[in-house]
Protein backbone atom coordinates (compact mmCIF):
# COMPACT_ATOMS: atom_id res chain seq x y z
CA MET A 1 -0.06 -0.01 0.17
CA ARG A 2 2.84 2.37 0.88
CA LEU A 3 4.61 1.84 -2.46
CA THR A 4 1.52 2.20 -4.13
CA LYS A 5 1.14 5.77 -2.41
CA ILE A 6 4.62 6.44 -3.54
CA VAL A 7 4.04 5.66 -6.99
CA ILE A 8 0.70 7.80 -7.27
CA ILE A 9 2.38 10.99 -5.75
CA SER A 10 5.18 10.28 -8.12
CA LEU A 11 3.15 10.02 -11.03
CA LEU A 12 1.10 13.57 -9.70
CA ALA A 13 4.36 14.98 -9.64
CA MET A 14 5.25 14.18 -12.99
CA ALA A 15 2.07 15.23 -14.41
CA ILE A 16 2.27 18.53 -12.43
CA SER A 17 5.46 19.05 -13.56
CA ALA A 18 4.58 18.61 -16.95
CA CYS A 19 1.37 20.78 -16.81
CA GLY A 20 3.73 23.50 -15.26
CA SER A 21 6.68 23.53 -17.41
CA ASP A 22 5.30 26.22 -19.73
CA PRO A 23 2.01 27.77 -17.88
CA THR A 24 2.21 30.57 -20.67
CA LYS A 25 2.25 28.32 -23.71
CA GLU A 26 -1.05 29.04 -24.86
CA ILE A 27 -0.90 32.98 -24.12
CA LYS A 28 2.51 33.01 -25.83
CA ALA A 29 0.61 31.52 -28.99
CA GLU A 30 -2.34 34.20 -28.90
CA ILE A 31 0.64 36.94 -28.80
CA SER A 32 2.47 35.70 -31.45
CA ALA A 33 -1.05 35.68 -33.53
CA ASN A 34 -2.57 39.05 -32.43
CA LEU A 35 1.10 40.70 -32.86
CA SER A 36 1.03 39.48 -36.11
CA ALA A 37 -2.54 40.60 -37.15
CA ALA A 38 -1.75 44.03 -35.30
CA GLN A 39 1.29 44.48 -37.71
CA SER A 40 -0.65 43.57 -40.62
CA ALA A 41 -3.51 46.16 -39.70
CA PHE A 42 -1.00 48.82 -39.46
CA ASP A 43 0.60 48.09 -42.71
CA THR A 44 -2.86 48.25 -44.04
CA LEU A 45 -3.36 51.60 -42.66
CA ASN A 46 -0.05 52.90 -43.72
CA SER A 47 -1.07 51.97 -47.48
CA GLN A 48 -4.50 53.92 -46.82
CA ILE A 49 -2.90 56.74 -46.01
CA ASN A 50 -0.55 56.60 -48.51
CA ASN A 51 -2.78 56.00 -51.44
CA GLY A 52 -5.65 58.47 -49.92
CA THR A 53 -8.43 55.90 -49.72
CA LEU A 54 -9.48 57.41 -46.01
CA ARG A 55 -12.42 59.44 -46.80
CA ASN A 56 -12.25 61.32 -43.73
CA ALA A 57 -8.50 62.01 -44.09
CA SER A 58 -8.99 63.37 -47.81
CA LEU A 59 -11.34 65.94 -46.21
CA LEU A 60 -9.09 67.36 -43.60
CA PRO A 61 -7.10 69.39 -45.88
CA ALA A 62 -10.11 71.33 -47.32
CA TYR A 63 -11.39 72.01 -44.00
CA ALA A 64 -8.05 73.28 -42.86
CA LYS A 65 -7.80 75.69 -45.67
CA VAL A 66 -10.93 77.35 -44.87
CA ALA A 67 -10.68 77.22 -41.10
CA ARG A 68 -7.18 78.83 -41.57
CA ASN A 69 -8.76 82.03 -43.62
CA LYS A 70 -11.68 82.43 -40.98
CA LYS A 71 -9.42 81.79 -37.95
CA PRO A 72 -5.64 82.59 -38.61
CA GLU A 73 -4.93 83.19 -35.19
CA PHE A 74 -5.36 79.50 -34.41
CA ARG A 75 -3.41 78.33 -37.38
CA GLN A 76 -1.06 76.17 -35.05
CA ILE A 77 -4.36 74.40 -33.88
CA ILE A 78 -5.65 73.99 -37.34
CA ASP A 79 -2.43 72.65 -38.76
CA THR A 80 -2.39 69.92 -36.03
CA LEU A 81 -5.87 68.87 -36.68
CA ALA A 82 -5.09 68.58 -40.17
CA SER A 83 -2.10 66.42 -39.75
CA GLU A 84 -4.32 63.75 -37.93
CA GLY A 85 -5.22 62.17 -41.35
CA THR A 86 -1.34 61.76 -41.84
CA GLN A 87 1.52 59.90 -40.55
CA ARG A 88 2.62 63.08 -38.60
CA GLY A 89 -0.65 63.30 -36.50
CA PRO A 90 -0.76 62.69 -32.85
CA THR A 91 -3.30 59.79 -33.12
CA TYR A 92 -0.94 57.93 -35.90
CA SER A 93 2.45 58.79 -33.54
CA SER A 94 0.45 57.35 -30.77
CA ILE A 95 -0.44 54.21 -32.41
CA LYS A 96 2.58 53.54 -33.70
CA GLN A 97 4.34 53.92 -30.29
CA ARG A 98 1.87 51.65 -28.83
CA LEU A 99 2.58 48.85 -31.37
CA SER A 100 6.56 49.31 -30.82
CA ASP A 101 5.81 49.21 -27.41
CA ALA A 102 3.84 45.96 -27.52
CA GLU A 103 6.39 44.29 -29.96
CA SER A 104 9.16 45.14 -27.04
CA ASP A 105 6.94 43.53 -24.68
CA ALA A 106 5.77 40.49 -26.54
CA GLN A 107 10.08 39.71 -26.60
CA LYS A 108 10.33 39.87 -23.14
CA GLN A 109 10.11 36.65 -21.05
CA ILE A 110 6.60 36.27 -19.79
CA GLN A 111 6.35 34.79 -16.10
CA THR A 112 2.52 34.65 -15.65
CA THR A 113 -0.62 34.40 -17.79
CA ALA A 114 -1.67 37.79 -16.36
CA GLU A 115 1.36 39.55 -17.98
CA GLY A 116 0.77 37.64 -21.24
CA SER A 117 -3.26 38.88 -21.07
CA ALA A 118 -2.40 42.43 -20.59
CA ILE A 119 -0.16 42.44 -23.68
CA ASN A 120 -2.88 40.47 -25.78
CA LEU A 121 -5.66 43.43 -24.78
CA GLU A 122 -3.47 45.96 -25.45
CA LEU A 123 -2.89 44.39 -29.21
CA LEU A 124 -6.41 44.04 -29.42
CA ASN A 125 -7.04 47.84 -28.46
CA ILE A 126 -4.48 48.75 -31.11
CA ARG A 127 -6.21 46.76 -33.86
CA THR A 128 -9.39 47.99 -32.77
CA ALA A 129 -8.23 51.79 -33.07
CA ILE A 130 -6.79 50.90 -36.41
CA SER A 131 -9.94 49.42 -37.70
CA ASN A 132 -11.64 52.67 -36.70
CA TYR A 133 -8.78 55.12 -37.39
CA ASP A 134 -10.88 56.99 -40.32
CA ALA A 135 -13.87 57.43 -37.96
CA MET A 136 -12.28 59.05 -35.22
CA LEU A 137 -10.99 61.75 -37.62
CA VAL A 138 -14.69 62.82 -37.46
CA ASP A 139 -13.35 64.84 -34.29
CA ALA A 140 -10.94 66.90 -36.11
CA ILE A 141 -13.29 67.40 -39.00
CA ASN A 142 -15.95 68.74 -36.39
CA MET A 143 -13.71 71.26 -34.50
CA LEU A 144 -12.29 72.32 -37.82
CA ALA A 145 -15.99 72.67 -38.69
CA ASP A 146 -16.46 75.08 -35.90
CA PHE A 147 -13.37 77.14 -37.06
CA THR A 148 -15.04 77.52 -40.35
CA GLU A 149 -17.89 79.26 -38.81
CA GLY A 150 -20.68 77.45 -40.58
CA ALA A 151 -19.11 77.37 -43.82
CA LEU A 152 -18.52 73.92 -43.73
CA PRO A 153 -20.96 71.21 -42.48
CA LYS A 154 -20.10 68.82 -39.23
CA MET A 155 -19.60 65.19 -40.12
CA ARG A 156 -21.69 62.46 -38.12
CA GLU A 157 -21.95 64.86 -35.00
CA ILE A 158 -22.20 63.42 -31.86
CA GLU A 159 -24.57 64.38 -29.24
CA PHE A 160 -25.60 63.92 -25.51
CA GLU A 161 -28.78 61.97 -25.31
CA ASP A 162 -29.79 63.82 -22.15
CA SER A 163 -29.34 67.26 -23.87
CA LYS A 164 -29.34 68.93 -27.48
CA ALA A 165 -26.66 71.63 -26.21
CA GLU A 166 -23.26 70.99 -27.14
CA GLY A 167 -22.33 71.84 -23.74
CA GLY A 168 -18.03 72.97 -23.48
CA ALA A 169 -15.98 75.33 -25.19
CA ILE A 170 -14.58 74.62 -28.70
CA GLY A 171 -11.63 72.44 -28.07
CA SER A 172 -13.00 70.59 -24.88
CA GLU A 173 -13.11 67.40 -26.64
CA TYR A 174 -9.59 67.37 -26.94
CA VAL A 175 -9.11 67.83 -23.55
CA GLY A 176 -8.60 64.29 -21.78
CA ASN A 177 -7.42 62.94 -25.26
CA SER A 178 -4.22 60.91 -24.37
CA ASN A 179 -2.42 61.66 -27.57
CA TYR A 180 -2.69 65.48 -26.64
CA GLY A 181 -1.70 65.58 -22.92
CA GLU A 182 -2.50 63.83 -19.85
CA TRP A 183 -4.03 64.76 -16.41
CA ARG A 184 -2.03 66.08 -13.48
CA THR A 185 -2.38 67.08 -9.81
CA SER A 186 -2.30 70.64 -8.71
CA SER A 187 -0.68 71.56 -4.96
CA THR A 188 -4.38 71.66 -3.86
CA GLY A 189 -5.01 67.97 -4.98
CA ALA A 190 -7.03 68.82 -8.16
CA SER A 191 -6.81 67.01 -11.13
CA PHE A 192 -5.97 69.55 -14.24
CA TRP A 193 -5.26 69.00 -17.91
CA HIS A 194 -1.78 69.34 -19.12
CA TRP A 195 -1.20 69.53 -22.96
CA TYR A 196 2.07 68.03 -24.02
CA GLY A 197 4.90 70.46 -24.84
CA GLN A 198 4.27 70.21 -28.64
CA TYR A 199 0.45 71.06 -27.93
CA ALA A 200 0.62 73.83 -25.16
CA PHE A 201 -0.81 75.78 -28.02
CA PHE A 202 -4.34 74.57 -27.43
CA SER A 203 -4.47 76.02 -24.05
CA SER A 204 -5.07 79.26 -25.85
CA LEU A 205 -8.68 78.00 -26.42
CA PHE A 206 -9.38 78.40 -22.71
CA GLY A 207 -7.69 81.64 -22.19
CA ASN A 208 -4.15 79.85 -21.61
CA ARG A 209 -5.83 78.93 -17.90
CA PRO A 210 -5.92 75.22 -16.39
CA VAL A 211 -8.85 73.10 -17.05
CA TYR A 212 -9.86 71.36 -14.16
CA TYR A 213 -11.37 67.55 -14.35
CA ASP A 214 -14.60 68.46 -12.33
CA SER A 215 -15.56 71.82 -14.39
CA TRP A 216 -14.51 69.90 -17.92
CA SER A 217 -16.60 66.70 -16.67
CA SER A 218 -19.86 68.29 -16.78
CA ASN A 219 -19.44 71.13 -19.66
CA ARG A 220 -17.24 68.79 -22.45
CA ARG A 221 -18.20 68.36 -25.84
CA PRO A 222 -18.82 64.75 -26.83
CA SER A 223 -16.40 63.21 -29.12
CA TYR A 224 -15.48 60.00 -30.78
CA TYR A 225 -12.48 59.57 -28.54
CA HIS A 226 -14.41 60.07 -25.81
CA ASP A 227 -17.40 58.25 -26.46
CA ARG A 228 -16.73 55.92 -28.68
CA ASN A 229 -14.21 53.37 -27.25
CA ARG A 230 -12.07 55.56 -25.39
CA GLY A 231 -10.40 52.38 -24.00
CA ALA A 232 -9.09 51.10 -27.51
CA TYR A 233 -7.65 54.57 -28.46
CA SER A 234 -5.56 55.06 -24.98
CA SER A 235 -2.37 53.17 -24.16
CA PRO A 236 -2.40 51.42 -20.93
CA LYS A 237 -0.63 54.28 -18.98
CA ALA A 238 -3.12 56.74 -20.47
CA ARG A 239 -5.96 54.56 -19.26
CA THR A 240 -4.56 54.38 -15.73
CA ASN A 241 -3.97 58.38 -15.87
CA GLN A 242 -7.51 58.92 -16.55
CA ALA A 243 -8.99 56.34 -14.12
CA ASP A 244 -6.76 58.23 -11.40
CA ALA A 245 -7.97 61.64 -12.25
CA LEU A 246 -11.66 60.17 -11.75
CA ALA A 247 -10.73 58.71 -8.59
CA LYS A 248 -9.21 61.65 -7.26
CA THR A 249 -12.19 63.89 -8.24
CA LYS A 250 -14.57 61.45 -6.92
CA LYS A 251 -12.64 61.03 -3.73
CA SER A 252 -12.58 65.08 -3.33
CA TYR A 253 -16.46 65.44 -3.46
CA THR A 254 -17.08 62.72 -1.22
CA ALA A 255 -14.97 64.31 1.27
CA LYS A 256 -16.97 67.58 0.85
CA GLY A 257 -20.23 65.60 1.23
CA LYS A 258 -21.02 65.77 -2.55
CA SER A 259 -21.61 63.21 -5.34
CA PHE A 260 -19.62 63.50 -8.55
CA LYS A 261 -20.62 61.92 -12.03
CA SER A 262 -18.11 60.41 -14.17
CA PRO A 263 -17.60 62.58 -17.45
CA TYR A 264 -18.77 59.36 -19.30
CA ALA A 265 -21.82 58.59 -17.44
CA ARG A 266 -23.91 60.28 -20.47
CA ASN A 267 -25.28 58.57 -23.35
CA THR A 268 -24.80 59.83 -26.50
CA SER A 269 -25.94 59.14 -30.31
CA VAL A 270 -24.66 60.35 -33.72
CA LYS A 271 -26.85 63.35 -34.70
CA GLY A 272 -29.99 62.71 -36.61
CA GLN A 273 -29.82 58.95 -35.66
CA PRO A 274 -31.62 56.76 -33.41
CA TYR A 275 -29.77 56.11 -30.13
CA THR A 276 -27.66 53.07 -30.27
CA LYS A 277 -25.35 51.87 -27.52
CA ARG A 278 -21.79 53.28 -27.64
CA SER A 279 -20.23 49.45 -28.02
CA SER A 280 -22.25 48.99 -31.21
CA GLN A 281 -20.96 51.78 -32.77
CA ILE A 282 -17.18 50.19 -32.64
CA GLN A 283 -15.72 47.54 -35.05
CA LYS A 284 -13.67 45.42 -32.93
CA PRO A 285 -11.49 42.74 -34.50
CA LYS A 286 -11.89 39.25 -33.04
CA PRO A 287 -9.21 38.06 -30.71
CA PHE A 288 -7.27 34.95 -31.55
CA LYS A 289 -7.52 32.04 -30.14
CA SER A 290 -4.78 29.45 -30.04
CA ALA A 291 -5.56 25.71 -30.53
CA TYR A 292 -4.59 25.29 -26.89
CA ALA A 293 -6.87 28.23 -25.78
CA LYS A 294 -9.49 26.84 -23.03
CA SER A 295 -13.05 28.33 -22.81
CA ASN A 296 -12.00 30.32 -19.38
CA SER A 297 -11.68 33.73 -20.80
CA SER A 298 -10.67 35.47 -17.82
CA SER A 299 -8.42 38.19 -19.36
CA SER A 300 -8.88 39.89 -18.40
CA LYS A 301 -20.95 72.85 -9.26
CA SER A 302 -18.83 76.10 -8.93
CA TYR A 303 -15.76 76.50 -10.91
CA LYS A 304 -12.43 77.31 -9.92
CA SER A 305 -10.62 77.79 -13.06
CA GLY A 306 -10.75 80.02 -16.10
CA TYR A 307 -12.88 77.09 -17.91
CA ASN A 308 -16.12 78.15 -16.36
CA SER A 309 -19.44 79.08 -17.29
CA ARG A 310 -18.70 82.49 -18.09
CA SER A 311 -15.33 82.00 -20.20
CA SER A 312 -17.26 78.98 -21.49
CA GLY A 313 -20.08 81.00 -22.74
CA SER A 314 -17.74 83.64 -24.41
CA ARG A 315 -15.42 81.53 -25.75
CA ARG A 316 -18.25 79.80 -28.06
CA SER A 317 -19.66 82.98 -29.30
CA SER A 318 -16.28 84.56 -30.30
CA PHE A 319 -15.90 81.06 -32.34
CA GLY A 320 -19.54 81.25 -33.67
CA GLY A 321 -20.41 78.14 -32.06
CA LYS A 322 -23.72 77.25 -30.53
């Protein structure tokens, strides 16, 4: 009997050893396939940009030309928005960097399935962003349309379901866009938007004053970036930055006995079309399933800044907005 137990224990040990020899084998196979798919999608995007086959990208130069004539004082902003349809644009540059980072991460020694799942999630998000790249350019087109003061129409404009008013000032749709900046914390503990150095001139839209998270949250304009799968358009680091800003603001409000709603709590729809859930608006590529994959898929108020009700209103009227 004792010998039998020893044999059984030995066999179990051998089985566990065999199963545990490479617990990340499945996830590595998925990473390899997803990385290949993401690289292929990025190559296709480059071809589309070079060949001029992206519809919205082809509209940007015409919109920018009219906008420069109407608002020459905002030429730097207009030029940056126009570049979004090229390989020099902030969004393209961000996707390229994210893909490069994912490639580097994929080459590292993966110790746990959690690490592998995080890489796979990022690769899927990158593919989603690439698949919807042209749709995301609507943000740039619509902001340029604002600069043209009605001379050119907006494209598939997004509205908040609970109100037909646009809400915030022109440019508020790019506050919170991780391709242009990040949330930082002031000396008082409040979260405010910091434009990256090369896009610092966007602050001129807000009187060169800081835009605080709480005031922006309830007075922002809807956008494809924010309201149509923001997660796919943001890097893991950016998503953490956005989550931290929300958590800090909620904590601050709770300490004062107040409630705070997320800036993404409001439903949106495309103007002139019936309401549909946000998730249905995004084309999501199917994640790769390896031959080893199992059924378990567990991847898994009053305003304090220059961005206030008075300045927002005057800013909109000076731009000829609503």
